[in-house]
């Protein structure tokens, strides 16, 4: 298929404000959904951030896993609306949302757990955590999958990197958390917007999220726009999110996030100051 280009997926005709995706909440939803849908059919790629040597920024428009698809679409939605989007700007935007405090500082600075990714981006005014407002309930979850499976993550062979990731896991375990149980999803479905980020919470010990994508409404029901390993590409799943959640016991509910209106990149081009299976 034809390779997506930044100038095509961030067309000025799809943008409605001059400051990133700023404008109204409706504008944000329209922009982000249009950008994400522009990647329909792009191939799925497992573990796209796996690399040898020191951590470095990976930005790829040619293939995604579920996390890099969401990160890339959100990053593109935050680029300037005046047609000046370029690869350097996209790289800055991806770095800001992928790494703690918006700065790449080694493997341990990557926001491996979705709970951490959401917390960090919320603290810096990029995302809103909608989960509690949509009827979320307290959710006790110990997060330790990475350090409990150290052999699966080669960078954790370094003692300092292991220590930093372990400290993050302990902080995430201790912090209050909520999720939207799947049994409550149907009653809240009408309040979910196109373009909302939906992260599927896990029954499995040690891990918070199994999969992530965007909400899109089809015939009045919410479906998932996502990079699908099963389909091998970016798709809108034919089944509703309600059906998707209930089809497997391992899928316990959702975390829901929304790109904030006005959450464009700082005019300096540098990140603002700090306020799935982990990758």
Foldseek 3Di string as FASTA:
>chain_A
DDQDDLCVLLPLVLADDFQQQFDDLVSQLSSLLSSLVVFFPQFEDPPPQDDPDWRDQDQDRRYYAFVNSLLQSLLSSQAGSPSPDDPLLSSQSSQQQQFAQSHDDTPLRGQQAVVSSVVFCVLQQFKDFCFVVLPWDWDQAQADVCVVPVVVPVVCVDVVSVVSNVVVRVVSNPDIDTFAFLVSCVVRFQVFGFFKKKFFAFPDHNGGGAGIATWDDDPRATWGQGNDPVVRGTDTDPDGVSCVQPVDPGGTGITIMGGDRSNHAPPVSHHDGTSRNGD
